[in-house]
């Protein structure tokens, strides 16, 4: 990329009577390539906390191509505001794109920015855009964070219209759960707006600028949990209505009409999900007022997560059925080559001549008849000769003939039996166990009970975070397993099941096992046919990919699966 000066790139308009920080909504790009933040509305419009006024600091003179720590090469300035600048950069050591916030070391907020960045980095929650480095060097303070080129901010997602009901439900569930986890660690966002919420290409929702964005602008709040909860309510309100729940326009969204106050989303737009509409109002009316329809207000992200869990699950929409095209009869007829007949005309086909009525035809018929007679005579003679040879063989020879054990006929008549499971134990190849006390529920004969996995953020394939999860079954004695049938609790794209033969109920590693077969399914059952016949007493049912499922009473939304029953046949 060609180098260019940043003097004319995203320079904030600092004219007017408002302090610089009042226009701080021209925020930095914390992770989306080609989608720099564009929120130029006031903090009043977004419902953020108070702002600390500071004297203006001169931004450092930087340009494209400048390197920090001989490692981070600046590429493009995406924001320059109030004494700090934000850049898209390249980490030349790891060869990846990163984002960088830079401000002078003598800036009045430099200490608080460093502290916020280091606290955010310690959280290590993948639902937040991660802080990678926070350094003070050569009269500069800079914060390095992830850059997500495959993510889209909520502002862009709302441009064509409101989100689908299931998408809005997933967004508020994941954002509320993430912020509840952050507040448990003493961290607040205070600038949670549509530009700070991203959806990745895999459908996961992520939050950028935790603690750091507020520190860069000197924003603080006496009630941080209430501030973030109201911000989540505003995000859900915007997702349902494509309107900002305040009178001022913000983030490309129109505000509410002047003087009408805060009205419920289902009164703004027809067809809004009633449960989500009430949830948005409970989060927005969190200052002690009563939300719509007399529901109690939610004042913390934790209370919001609890309220979401009490709602009925909102399932994803069924895929649209596309009817196959109607069968089209061909218009080809002999002599027409696909040319349609004139309207109303009846197509007359030529009458074929009688078969073989000429002198040559009759001769050909006599020749064919003679050949058939000769062939029948020769065949009869060979058959008689073979029968005579067979009669000369002794009965002893017939009695010594045996059937090969691998004969296909033998396989067809071989009875199929169900193999009894004596005991089972969860196998942990890496990390923590799932639910080892529930393994016996997979062979108790009750399909309503099950062993379940944890809810994973990444998927469907669990690797490299975890090679897989599963259970080793003891068949009581060495058996020749032919098929394993596994009942599954969740459907979706997709579950991969592998079958292994192992030498004990507590094997040391996957490397010591022999793979018997594998299958991938999107339904609620999987049948693994053994392709490599190995006799074994112990068999491992191993899950390496899990479908995405919504949150329920047992776990959060994520990639997860549960086994209801397992049967082996031999």
Protein backbone atom coordinates (compact mmCIF):
# COMPACT_ATOMS: atom_id res chain seq x y z
CA UNK A 1 0.00 0.00 0.00
CA UNK A 2 1.36 3.39 -0.94
CA UNK A 3 2.42 5.63 1.92
CA UNK A 4 0.34 8.71 2.58
CA UNK A 5 0.13 11.45 5.16
CA UNK A 6 -2.54 11.20 7.83
CA UNK A 7 -3.15 14.92 8.05
CA UNK A 8 -6.38 14.66 6.05
CA UNK A 9 -7.48 11.20 7.15
CA UNK A 10 -10.40 11.00 9.61
CA UNK A 11 -9.54 14.26 11.36
CA UNK A 12 -12.28 15.18 13.82
CA UNK A 13 -14.08 18.47 13.58
CA UNK A 14 -13.12 20.17 16.83
CA UNK A 15 -14.90 23.45 16.14
CA UNK A 16 -17.85 24.69 18.13
CA UNK A 17 -18.60 25.10 21.80
CA UNK A 18 -18.70 21.43 22.75
CA UNK A 19 -15.60 19.91 24.33
CA UNK A 20 -13.57 17.55 22.19
CA UNK A 21 -14.69 14.54 24.13
CA UNK A 22 -18.33 15.33 23.44
CA UNK A 23 -17.59 14.40 19.84
CA UNK A 24 -15.67 11.28 20.78
CA UNK A 25 -18.11 9.00 19.04
CA UNK A 26 -15.83 9.04 16.00
CA UNK A 27 -14.39 5.93 17.58
CA UNK A 28 -11.48 3.75 16.61
CA UNK A 29 -11.67 0.64 14.51
CA UNK A 30 -11.15 -2.19 16.99
CA UNK A 31 -11.24 -4.97 14.50
CA UNK A 32 -13.17 -4.61 11.23
CA UNK A 33 -11.28 -4.08 8.01
CA UNK A 34 -12.95 -1.63 5.61
CA UNK A 35 -15.48 -0.78 8.33
CA UNK A 36 -13.93 1.99 10.48
CA UNK A 37 -16.26 3.30 13.14
CA UNK A 38 -18.40 6.18 12.02
CA UNK A 39 -20.39 7.09 15.13
CA UNK A 40 -20.32 10.88 15.12
CA UNK A 41 -23.34 11.25 17.39
CA UNK A 42 -23.13 12.66 20.89
CA UNK A 43 -22.71 10.43 23.94
CA UNK A 44 -26.15 11.51 25.00
CA UNK A 45 -27.52 9.78 21.92
CA UNK A 46 -25.90 6.49 22.89
CA UNK A 47 -26.75 6.63 26.59
CA UNK A 48 -23.11 6.46 27.79
CA UNK A 49 -21.72 7.55 31.12
CA UNK A 50 -20.11 10.85 32.06
CA UNK A 51 -17.11 12.31 30.22
CA UNK A 52 -13.99 13.68 31.81
CA UNK A 53 -12.86 16.93 30.21
CA UNK A 54 -9.12 17.15 29.51
CA UNK A 55 -6.82 19.59 27.84
CA UNK A 56 -5.95 18.88 24.23
CA UNK A 57 -2.70 16.96 23.60
CA UNK A 58 -0.85 17.15 20.31
CA UNK A 59 -0.97 13.86 18.41
CA UNK A 60 2.40 12.31 17.54
CA UNK A 61 3.67 12.83 14.01
CA UNK A 62 3.25 9.40 12.44
CA UNK A 63 2.82 8.21 8.89
CA UNK A 64 2.14 5.06 6.91
CA UNK A 65 5.17 2.79 7.00
CA UNK A 66 6.27 3.89 10.50
CA UNK A 67 7.27 0.94 12.73
CA UNK A 68 6.64 0.53 16.44
CA UNK A 69 9.00 -1.71 18.42
CA UNK A 70 10.56 -2.71 15.06
CA UNK A 71 7.55 -4.97 14.64
CA UNK A 72 4.24 -3.18 14.04
CA UNK A 73 4.20 -1.40 10.65
CA UNK A 74 1.49 1.26 10.40
CA UNK A 75 -0.61 0.95 7.23
CA UNK A 76 -3.66 3.21 7.39
CA UNK A 77 -4.97 5.76 9.88
CA UNK A 78 -8.65 5.10 10.55
CA UNK A 79 -9.24 7.67 13.35
CA UNK A 80 -7.41 10.75 14.56
CA UNK A 81 -9.13 12.45 17.48
CA UNK A 82 -8.46 14.32 20.72
CA UNK A 83 -4.72 13.69 20.85
CA UNK A 84 -4.75 9.99 19.90
CA UNK A 85 -4.93 8.09 16.63
CA UNK A 86 -5.96 4.59 15.63
CA UNK A 87 -4.34 2.59 12.84
CA UNK A 88 -4.60 -0.58 10.85
CA UNK A 89 -1.14 -2.13 11.06
CA UNK A 90 0.80 -5.31 10.28
CA UNK A 91 2.58 -7.42 12.88
CA UNK A 92 5.67 -8.32 10.81
CA UNK A 93 6.80 -10.90 13.34
CA UNK A 94 3.61 -12.99 13.18
CA UNK A 95 2.55 -11.78 9.68
CA UNK A 96 -0.98 -10.77 10.61
CA UNK A 97 -3.11 -7.63 10.59
CA UNK A 98 -3.59 -5.82 13.90
CA UNK A 99 -5.12 -2.58 15.15
CA UNK A 100 -3.14 0.00 17.13
CA UNK A 101 -4.24 2.94 19.33
CA UNK A 102 -1.43 5.52 19.78
CA UNK A 103 -1.22 8.56 22.07
CA UNK A 104 1.61 10.61 23.59
CA UNK A 105 3.04 9.35 26.88
CA UNK A 106 2.31 12.76 28.46
CA UNK A 107 -1.37 12.61 27.44
CA UNK A 108 -3.63 13.07 30.45
CA UNK A 109 -5.32 9.72 29.76
CA UNK A 110 -2.21 7.69 28.93
CA UNK A 111 -2.05 6.03 32.39
CA UNK A 112 -5.72 5.07 32.41
CA UNK A 113 -5.53 3.71 28.83
CA UNK A 114 -2.58 1.48 29.75
CA UNK A 115 -4.35 0.23 32.88
CA UNK A 116 -7.60 -0.46 30.99
CA UNK A 117 -5.78 -2.30 28.18
CA UNK A 118 -3.84 -4.52 30.58
CA UNK A 119 -6.96 -5.34 32.59
CA UNK A 120 -8.85 -6.21 29.40
CA UNK A 121 -5.99 -8.42 28.20
CA UNK A 122 -6.09 -10.41 31.46
CA UNK A 123 -9.75 -11.31 30.85
CA UNK A 124 -8.86 -13.47 27.84
CA UNK A 125 -12.50 -14.07 26.88
CA UNK A 126 -12.77 -14.90 23.13
CA UNK A 127 -16.13 -13.11 22.97
CA UNK A 128 -14.18 -9.85 23.14
CA UNK A 129 -11.70 -8.49 20.60
CA UNK A 130 -8.43 -9.30 22.37
CA UNK A 131 -5.79 -6.81 23.49
CA UNK A 132 -2.44 -8.23 22.32
CA UNK A 133 0.03 -5.68 23.72
CA UNK A 134 0.09 -2.47 25.80
CA UNK A 135 3.43 -0.60 25.75
CA UNK A 136 4.97 2.72 26.77
CA UNK A 137 8.01 3.40 24.56
CA UNK A 138 9.84 6.44 23.15
CA UNK A 139 7.38 9.01 24.51
CA UNK A 140 4.48 7.02 23.07
CA UNK A 141 1.81 4.80 24.58
CA UNK A 142 0.25 2.30 22.21
CA UNK A 143 -2.28 -0.53 22.54
CA UNK A 144 -2.25 -3.39 20.00
CA UNK A 145 -5.42 -5.42 19.47
CA UNK A 146 -6.94 -8.00 17.13
CA UNK A 147 -8.08 -7.04 13.63
CA UNK A 148 -10.98 -9.10 12.28
CA UNK A 149 -11.24 -8.72 8.50
CA UNK A 150 -14.10 -11.25 8.26
CA UNK A 151 -16.35 -9.48 10.80
CA UNK A 152 -19.17 -6.99 10.16
CA UNK A 153 -20.30 -4.41 12.68
CA UNK A 154 -23.94 -4.20 13.74
CA UNK A 155 -24.25 -0.75 12.13
CA UNK A 156 -23.73 -2.28 8.68
CA UNK A 157 -26.02 -5.25 9.44
CA UNK A 158 -28.88 -2.87 10.33
CA UNK A 159 -28.48 -0.68 7.24
CA UNK A 160 -30.83 -2.77 5.02
CA UNK A 161 -33.36 -3.48 7.79
CA UNK A 162 -33.91 -5.01 11.26
CA UNK A 163 -32.42 -8.39 12.12
CA UNK A 164 -34.34 -11.64 11.90
CA UNK A 165 -35.87 -12.68 15.23
CA UNK A 166 -33.42 -15.55 15.77
CA UNK A 167 -30.42 -13.34 14.89
CA UNK A 168 -31.57 -10.67 17.37
CA UNK A 169 -32.06 -13.35 20.03
CA UNK A 170 -28.57 -14.76 19.42
CA UNK A 171 -27.06 -11.26 19.52
CA UNK A 172 -28.58 -10.21 22.84
CA UNK A 173 -27.90 -13.63 24.40
CA UNK A 174 -24.22 -13.64 23.50
CA UNK A 175 -23.61 -9.95 24.24
CA UNK A 176 -25.37 -10.08 27.63
CA UNK A 177 -23.54 -13.26 28.61
CA UNK A 178 -20.17 -11.76 27.64
CA UNK A 179 -20.76 -8.52 29.53
CA UNK A 180 -21.92 -10.44 32.61
CA UNK A 181 -18.61 -12.32 32.56
CA UNK A 182 -16.67 -9.05 32.17
CA UNK A 183 -18.46 -7.39 35.10
CA UNK A 184 -17.73 -10.41 37.30
CA UNK A 185 -14.05 -9.57 36.71
CA UNK A 186 -14.62 -5.88 37.50
CA UNK A 187 -14.51 -4.65 33.88
CA UNK A 188 -17.07 -2.38 32.19
CA UNK A 189 -17.42 -1.19 28.60
CA UNK A 190 -19.36 2.12 28.92
CA UNK A 191 -19.34 2.64 25.12
CA UNK A 192 -21.34 -0.38 23.99
CA UNK A 193 -22.99 0.76 20.75
CA UNK A 194 -23.69 -0.72 17.27
CA UNK A 195 -20.13 0.10 16.16
CA UNK A 196 -18.67 -1.92 19.03
CA UNK A 197 -20.61 -5.12 18.25
CA UNK A 198 -19.37 -7.41 15.47
CA UNK A 199 -20.66 -10.58 13.84
CA UNK A 200 -18.02 -12.90 12.39
CA UNK A 201 -18.42 -15.01 9.27
CA UNK A 202 -19.12 -18.05 11.49
CA UNK A 203 -22.10 -16.28 13.12
CA UNK A 204 -20.45 -15.48 16.46
CA UNK A 205 -20.97 -12.07 18.08
CA UNK A 206 -17.93 -10.27 19.49
CA UNK A 207 -17.42 -7.01 21.40
CA UNK A 208 -14.55 -4.61 20.78
CA UNK A 209 -13.08 -1.87 22.93
CA UNK A 210 -13.83 -3.34 26.38
CA UNK A 211 -12.66 -0.70 28.92
CA UNK A 212 -10.18 0.75 26.38
CA UNK A 213 -12.61 2.82 24.29
CA UNK A 214 -14.00 4.51 27.40
CA UNK A 215 -10.49 5.17 28.75
CA UNK A 216 -9.41 6.76 25.45
CA UNK A 217 -12.25 9.28 25.78
CA UNK A 218 -12.21 9.74 29.55
CA UNK A 219 -15.69 8.26 29.98
CA UNK A 220 -16.67 7.07 33.45
CA UNK A 221 -19.87 6.05 35.24
CA UNK A 222 -21.00 5.75 38.85
CA UNK A 223 -23.25 2.83 37.84
CA UNK A 224 -21.26 0.90 35.19
CA UNK A 225 -23.46 -2.24 35.28
CA UNK A 226 -26.62 -0.17 34.76
CA UNK A 227 -24.94 1.78 31.94
CA UNK A 228 -23.88 -1.37 30.07
CA UNK A 229 -27.28 -3.03 30.63
CA UNK A 230 -29.09 -0.03 29.12
CA UNK A 231 -26.66 -0.13 26.19
CA UNK A 232 -27.52 -3.81 25.56
CA UNK A 233 -31.21 -2.89 25.66
CA UNK A 234 -30.58 -0.16 23.08
CA UNK A 235 -28.76 -2.66 20.84
CA UNK A 236 -31.69 -5.10 21.02
CA UNK A 237 -34.17 -2.25 20.41
CA UNK A 238 -32.24 -1.22 17.28
CA UNK A 239 -31.97 -4.83 16.07
CA UNK A 240 -35.75 -5.28 16.33
CA UNK A 241 -36.92 -1.94 14.92
CA UNK A 242 -34.02 -0.39 12.96
CA UNK A 243 -34.60 2.70 15.16
CA UNK A 244 -32.41 4.23 17.90
CA UNK A 245 -34.39 4.33 21.21
CA UNK A 246 -33.65 8.02 21.86
CA UNK A 247 -34.82 11.20 20.17
CA UNK A 248 -31.46 11.87 18.49
CA UNK A 249 -30.47 10.05 15.30
CA UNK A 250 -27.37 7.91 15.77
CA UNK A 251 -25.29 5.21 14.01
CA UNK A 252 -27.21 5.61 10.76
CA UNK A 253 -30.52 4.97 12.56
CA UNK A 254 -33.45 7.34 12.98
CA UNK A 255 -34.38 8.29 16.55
CA UNK A 256 -37.85 8.12 18.08
CA UNK A 257 -40.37 10.89 17.38
CA UNK A 258 -39.98 13.98 19.55
CA UNK A 259 -42.04 14.10 22.72
CA UNK A 260 -43.49 10.56 22.66
CA UNK A 261 -40.96 9.12 25.10
CA UNK A 262 -39.73 5.54 25.11
CA UNK A 263 -42.26 3.25 23.44
CA UNK A 264 -42.02 -0.53 23.14
CA UNK A 265 -40.46 -1.99 19.95
CA UNK A 266 -43.68 -3.86 19.06
CA UNK A 267 -45.44 -0.47 18.98
CA UNK A 268 -42.80 0.94 16.62
CA UNK A 269 -42.81 -1.85 14.05
CA UNK A 270 -45.40 -4.52 13.31
CA UNK A 271 -44.43 -8.16 13.70
CA UNK A 272 -41.78 -7.64 16.41
CA UNK A 273 -41.35 -10.64 18.72
CA UNK A 274 -43.25 -9.81 21.92
CA UNK A 275 -40.82 -11.52 24.30
CA UNK A 276 -37.80 -9.71 22.85
CA UNK A 277 -39.72 -6.43 22.84
CA UNK A 278 -40.40 -6.77 26.58
CA UNK A 279 -36.77 -7.75 27.18
CA UNK A 280 -35.50 -4.60 25.45
CA UNK A 281 -37.80 -2.44 27.58
CA UNK A 282 -36.72 -4.16 30.80
CA UNK A 283 -33.09 -3.35 29.99
CA UNK A 284 -33.76 0.23 28.87
CA UNK A 285 -36.01 1.15 31.82
CA UNK A 286 -33.38 0.17 34.39
CA UNK A 287 -33.31 3.30 36.53
CA UNK A 288 -36.05 2.09 38.83
CA UNK A 289 -38.95 2.70 36.45
CA UNK A 290 -41.31 -0.11 35.53
CA UNK A 291 -40.81 -1.56 32.09
CA UNK A 292 -43.62 -2.27 29.67
CA UNK A 293 -46.36 -4.73 30.63
CA UNK A 294 -45.39 -4.51 34.30
CA UNK A 295 -42.22 -6.62 34.09
CA UNK A 296 -39.44 -5.89 36.57
CA UNK A 297 -36.47 -3.92 35.24
CA UNK A 298 -33.03 -5.47 34.60
CA UNK A 299 -30.26 -3.36 36.12
CA UNK A 300 -27.23 -5.64 35.54
CA UNK A 301 -26.09 -7.86 32.66
CA UNK A 302 -26.43 -10.84 35.02
CA UNK A 303 -30.12 -10.09 35.55
CA UNK A 304 -30.52 -9.71 31.79
CA UNK A 305 -28.93 -13.13 31.21
CA UNK A 306 -31.35 -14.64 33.75
CA UNK A 307 -34.33 -12.98 32.01
CA UNK A 308 -33.19 -14.36 28.64
CA UNK A 309 -32.91 -17.84 30.15
CA UNK A 310 -36.51 -17.66 31.37
CA UNK A 311 -37.79 -16.95 27.85
CA UNK A 312 -38.93 -19.79 25.56
CA UNK A 313 -36.18 -20.75 23.14
CA UNK A 314 -36.37 -19.04 19.76
CA UNK A 315 -35.45 -21.56 17.11
CA UNK A 316 -33.83 -20.66 13.78
CA UNK A 317 -36.21 -20.36 10.82
CA UNK A 318 -36.80 -23.44 8.73
CA UNK A 319 -34.97 -23.36 5.38
CA UNK A 320 -37.22 -22.22 2.56
CA UNK A 321 -38.52 -25.04 0.38
CA UNK A 322 -37.95 -24.55 -3.31
CA UNK A 323 -40.29 -26.54 -5.51
CA UNK A 324 -38.54 -28.44 -8.32
CA UNK A 325 -39.25 -27.22 -11.84
CA UNK A 326 -42.12 -28.88 -13.66
CA UNK A 327 -41.25 -31.77 -15.93
CA UNK A 328 -40.82 -30.52 -19.49
CA UNK A 329 -41.57 -32.99 -22.25
CA UNK A 330 -39.11 -32.91 -25.12
CA UNK A 331 -40.37 -31.50 -28.41
CA UNK A 332 -38.01 -33.66 -30.44
CA UNK A 333 -39.70 -35.76 -33.09
CA UNK A 334 -38.21 -37.54 -36.03
CA UNK A 335 -37.63 -35.02 -38.78
CA UNK A 336 -38.47 -31.92 -36.66
CA UNK A 337 -35.23 -31.42 -34.63
CA UNK A 338 -37.02 -29.64 -31.82
CA UNK A 339 -38.97 -27.20 -33.97
CA UNK A 340 -42.41 -26.70 -32.37
CA UNK A 341 -45.46 -27.42 -34.44
CA UNK A 342 -47.74 -24.53 -35.42
CA UNK A 343 -50.60 -23.90 -33.00
CA UNK A 344 -53.51 -26.25 -33.66
CA UNK A 345 -51.54 -28.41 -36.13
CA UNK A 346 -51.43 -32.16 -35.60
CA UNK A 347 -48.07 -33.71 -36.30
CA UNK A 348 -48.33 -36.81 -38.51
CA UNK A 349 -45.54 -39.35 -38.09
CA UNK A 350 -44.47 -41.35 -41.15
CA UNK A 351 -45.57 -45.02 -41.10
CA UNK A 352 -42.52 -47.31 -40.84
CA UNK A 353 -42.24 -50.01 -43.58
CA UNK A 354 -43.10 -53.66 -42.69
CA UNK A 355 -40.04 -55.36 -41.20
CA UNK A 356 -37.95 -57.65 -43.45
CA UNK A 357 -40.58 -58.14 -46.19
CA UNK A 358 -38.13 -57.88 -49.09
CA UNK A 359 -36.24 -60.81 -50.70
CA UNK A 360 -33.06 -59.83 -48.83
CA UNK A 361 -34.95 -59.68 -45.57
CA UNK A 362 -36.34 -63.17 -45.97
CA UNK A 363 -32.87 -64.55 -46.67
CA UNK A 364 -31.54 -62.82 -43.57
CA UNK A 365 -34.31 -64.39 -41.45
CA UNK A 366 -33.42 -67.90 -42.69
CA UNK A 367 -29.74 -67.31 -41.93
CA UNK A 368 -30.46 -66.16 -38.38
CA UNK A 369 -32.76 -69.13 -37.78
CA UNK A 370 -30.05 -71.55 -38.91
CA UNK A 371 -27.49 -69.96 -36.60
CA UNK A 372 -29.86 -70.22 -33.64
CA UNK A 373 -30.51 -73.91 -34.29
CA UNK A 374 -26.75 -74.60 -34.51
CA UNK A 375 -26.12 -72.70 -31.28
CA UNK A 376 -28.82 -74.65 -29.43
CA UNK A 377 -27.39 -77.95 -30.61
CA UNK A 378 -23.87 -77.04 -29.54
CA UNK A 379 -25.09 -75.86 -26.13
CA UNK A 380 -27.05 -79.08 -25.55
CA UNK A 381 -24.01 -81.20 -26.36
CA UNK A 382 -21.77 -79.23 -23.97
CA UNK A 383 -24.36 -79.47 -21.17
CA UNK A 384 -24.65 -83.26 -21.58
CA UNK A 385 -20.88 -83.65 -21.56
CA UNK A 386 -20.59 -81.57 -18.35
CA UNK A 387 -23.28 -83.68 -16.63
CA UNK A 388 -21.51 -86.90 -17.53
CA UNK A 389 -18.19 -85.59 -16.13
CA UNK A 390 -19.89 -84.59 -12.90
CA UNK A 391 -21.43 -88.05 -12.52
CA UNK A 392 -17.99 -89.65 -12.69
CA UNK A 393 -16.78 -87.70 -9.61
CA UNK A 394 -16.93 -89.50 -6.27
CA UNK A 395 -19.22 -88.51 -3.43
CA UNK A 396 -16.18 -88.21 -1.18
CA UNK A 397 -14.90 -85.28 -3.18
CA UNK A 398 -18.23 -83.52 -2.76
CA UNK A 399 -18.18 -84.07 0.97
CA UNK A 400 -14.71 -82.52 1.42
CA UNK A 401 -15.78 -79.19 -0.07
CA UNK A 402 -16.02 -76.35 2.52
CA UNK A 403 -17.33 -72.80 2.46
CA UNK A 404 -14.88 -69.96 2.86
CA UNK A 405 -15.55 -67.91 6.01
CA UNK A 406 -15.49 -64.75 3.92
CA UNK A 407 -18.12 -66.01 1.43
CA UNK A 408 -20.82 -63.44 0.78
CA UNK A 409 -23.60 -66.02 1.23
CA UNK A 410 -22.24 -66.84 4.65
CA UNK A 411 -22.29 -63.18 5.59
CA UNK A 412 -25.95 -62.84 4.59
CA UNK A 413 -27.03 -65.73 6.80
CA UNK A 414 -24.87 -64.68 9.76
CA UNK A 415 -27.18 -63.59 12.62
CA UNK A 416 -26.91 -60.02 13.96
CA UNK A 417 -26.93 -59.67 17.75
CA UNK A 418 -27.00 -56.69 20.11
CA UNK A 419 -23.89 -56.48 22.30
CA UNK A 420 -24.51 -55.76 25.98
CA UNK A 421 -22.66 -52.81 27.56
CA UNK A 422 -21.23 -53.66 30.99
CA UNK A 423 -19.83 -50.24 31.98
CA UNK A 424 -18.52 -46.97 30.51
CA UNK A 425 -16.13 -44.14 31.32
CA UNK A 426 -15.57 -40.68 29.83
CA UNK A 427 -12.28 -40.36 27.92
CA UNK A 428 -10.42 -37.03 28.26
CA UNK A 429 -7.68 -36.51 25.67
CA UNK A 430 -7.06 -32.83 26.50
CA UNK A 431 -8.38 -30.23 28.95
CA UNK A 432 -11.26 -30.74 31.37
CA UNK A 433 -13.84 -33.58 31.43
CA UNK A 434 -17.39 -32.93 30.26
CA UNK A 435 -19.91 -34.68 32.55
CA UNK A 436 -18.30 -38.00 33.67
CA UNK A 437 -21.08 -38.83 36.14
CA UNK A 438 -23.68 -39.05 33.35
CA UNK A 439 -22.05 -41.65 31.08
CA UNK A 440 -24.32 -44.46 32.35
CA UNK A 441 -27.33 -42.52 31.03
CA UNK A 442 -26.24 -43.34 27.46
CA UNK A 443 -27.06 -47.06 27.85
CA UNK A 444 -29.82 -47.11 30.50
CA UNK A 445 -32.56 -47.71 27.91
CA UNK A 446 -34.16 -44.32 28.59
CA UNK A 447 -33.90 -41.91 25.63
CA UNK A 448 -34.94 -38.95 27.80
CA UNK A 449 -31.66 -39.10 29.76
CA UNK A 450 -28.31 -38.21 28.26
CA UNK A 451 -24.64 -37.34 28.69
CA UNK A 452 -23.84 -33.87 27.37
CA UNK A 453 -20.78 -31.92 26.33
CA UNK A 454 -19.87 -28.42 27.37
CA UNK A 455 -20.85 -25.48 25.15
CA UNK A 456 -17.88 -24.48 22.97
CA UNK A 457 -17.42 -21.06 21.37
CA UNK A 458 -15.61 -22.36 18.26
CA UNK A 459 -16.97 -25.01 15.90
CA UNK A 460 -18.32 -27.18 14.43
CA UNK A 461 -14.85 -28.84 14.47
CA UNK A 462 -13.43 -28.78 18.01
CA UNK A 463 -9.77 -28.96 16.97
CA UNK A 464 -7.30 -27.46 17.68
CA UNK A 465 -8.78 -26.34 21.00
CA UNK A 466 -9.81 -29.89 21.85
CA UNK A 467 -9.22 -33.08 19.77
CA UNK A 468 -12.66 -34.36 20.70
CA UNK A 469 -14.90 -35.65 23.50
CA UNK A 470 -16.37 -39.09 24.06
CA UNK A 471 -16.99 -42.24 26.09
CA UNK A 472 -15.24 -45.66 26.25
CA UNK A 473 -17.66 -48.62 26.56
CA UNK A 474 -16.86 -52.04 28.09
CA UNK A 475 -18.61 -54.89 26.21
CA UNK A 476 -17.67 -57.46 28.89
CA UNK A 477 -15.56 -59.64 26.58
CA UNK A 478 -13.78 -59.46 23.26
CA UNK A 479 -16.39 -58.88 20.54
CA UNK A 480 -16.53 -58.42 16.78
CA UNK A 481 -18.40 -55.09 16.48
CA UNK A 482 -20.11 -54.41 13.15
CA UNK A 483 -22.25 -51.31 13.83
CA UNK A 484 -22.69 -48.60 16.45
CA UNK A 485 -25.95 -46.61 16.64
CA UNK A 486 -25.75 -43.34 18.59
CA UNK A 487 -28.80 -41.24 19.56
CA UNK A 488 -28.12 -37.47 19.60
CA UNK A 489 -29.98 -34.64 21.36
CA UNK A 490 -29.19 -31.74 18.99
CA UNK A 491 -29.52 -31.64 15.22
CA UNK A 492 -27.82 -29.16 12.90
CA UNK A 493 -24.70 -28.63 10.87
CA UNK A 494 -22.98 -30.88 11.91
CA UNK A 495 -21.97 -33.83 14.17
CA UNK A 496 -18.98 -36.08 13.35
CA UNK A 497 -18.71 -39.41 15.22
CA UNK A 498 -15.67 -41.70 15.11
CA UNK A 499 -15.39 -45.25 16.46
CA UNK A 500 -12.16 -46.61 17.95
CA UNK A 501 -11.07 -49.99 19.37
CA UNK A 502 -8.96 -49.57 22.50
CA UNK A 503 -7.19 -51.86 24.94
CA UNK A 504 -8.68 -50.65 28.23
CA UNK A 505 -11.45 -48.62 29.84
CA UNK A 506 -8.89 -45.86 30.56
CA UNK A 507 -6.65 -45.65 27.46
CA UNK A 508 -3.57 -43.46 27.48
CA UNK A 509 -4.09 -41.62 24.19
CA UNK A 510 -5.81 -41.73 20.78
CA UNK A 511 -2.53 -42.82 19.20
CA UNK A 512 -2.83 -46.21 20.92
CA UNK A 513 -6.26 -46.92 19.38
CA UNK A 514 -7.45 -48.35 16.06
CA UNK A 515 -10.13 -46.43 14.15
CA UNK A 516 -13.03 -48.65 13.12
CA UNK A 517 -15.23 -46.18 11.23
CA UNK A 518 -16.64 -42.66 11.07
CA UNK A 519 -19.81 -40.80 10.02
CA UNK A 520 -21.03 -37.20 9.81
CA UNK A 521 -24.71 -36.34 10.31
CA UNK A 522 -27.02 -33.33 10.66
CA UNK A 523 -29.83 -35.30 12.33
CA UNK A 524 -30.47 -36.72 15.81
CA UNK A 525 -28.96 -40.14 15.19
CA UNK A 526 -25.72 -41.49 13.78
CA UNK A 527 -24.95 -45.02 12.57
CA UNK A 528 -21.26 -45.87 12.30
CA UNK A 529 -20.54 -48.96 10.20
CA UNK A 530 -17.26 -50.69 11.00
CA UNK A 531 -14.98 -50.63 7.96
CA UNK A 532 -11.98 -52.27 9.65
CA UNK A 533 -12.95 -55.41 11.53
CA UNK A 534 -10.93 -55.62 14.75
CA UNK A 535 -12.10 -57.66 17.72
CA UNK A 536 -12.04 -55.66 20.95
CA UNK A 537 -13.62 -55.55 24.38
CA UNK A 538 -13.45 -51.75 24.68
CA UNK A 539 -14.90 -49.31 22.10
CA UNK A 540 -14.60 -45.49 22.13
CA UNK A 541 -17.42 -43.30 20.73
CA UNK A 542 -15.58 -40.06 19.85
CA UNK A 543 -17.18 -36.72 18.84
CA UNK A 544 -14.89 -34.38 16.85
CA UNK A 545 -17.46 -31.89 15.47
CA UNK A 546 -20.60 -30.51 17.14
CA UNK A 547 -23.59 -28.50 15.81
CA UNK A 548 -24.49 -25.01 17.06
CA UNK A 549 -27.43 -24.90 19.47
CA UNK A 550 -29.21 -22.15 21.39
CA UNK A 551 -28.88 -21.62 25.12
CA UNK A 552 -31.04 -23.77 27.38
CA UNK A 553 -31.47 -24.46 31.09
CA UNK A 554 -28.20 -26.38 31.21
CA UNK A 555 -25.73 -24.40 29.10
CA UNK A 556 -25.16 -21.25 27.04
CA UNK A 557 -25.55 -21.07 23.29
CA UNK A 558 -22.62 -22.57 21.38
CA UNK A 559 -21.35 -25.68 19.68
CA UNK A 560 -22.50 -28.64 21.78
CA UNK A 561 -24.06 -32.13 21.64
CA UNK A 562 -25.56 -34.76 23.93
CA UNK A 563 -25.72 -38.58 23.56
CA UNK A 564 -29.07 -40.11 24.57
CA UNK A 565 -28.41 -43.79 23.89
CA UNK A 566 -25.73 -46.05 22.37
CA UNK A 567 -26.17 -49.55 20.93
CA UNK A 568 -23.56 -51.91 19.46
CA UNK A 569 -24.28 -54.87 17.19
CA UNK A 570 -21.95 -57.67 16.11
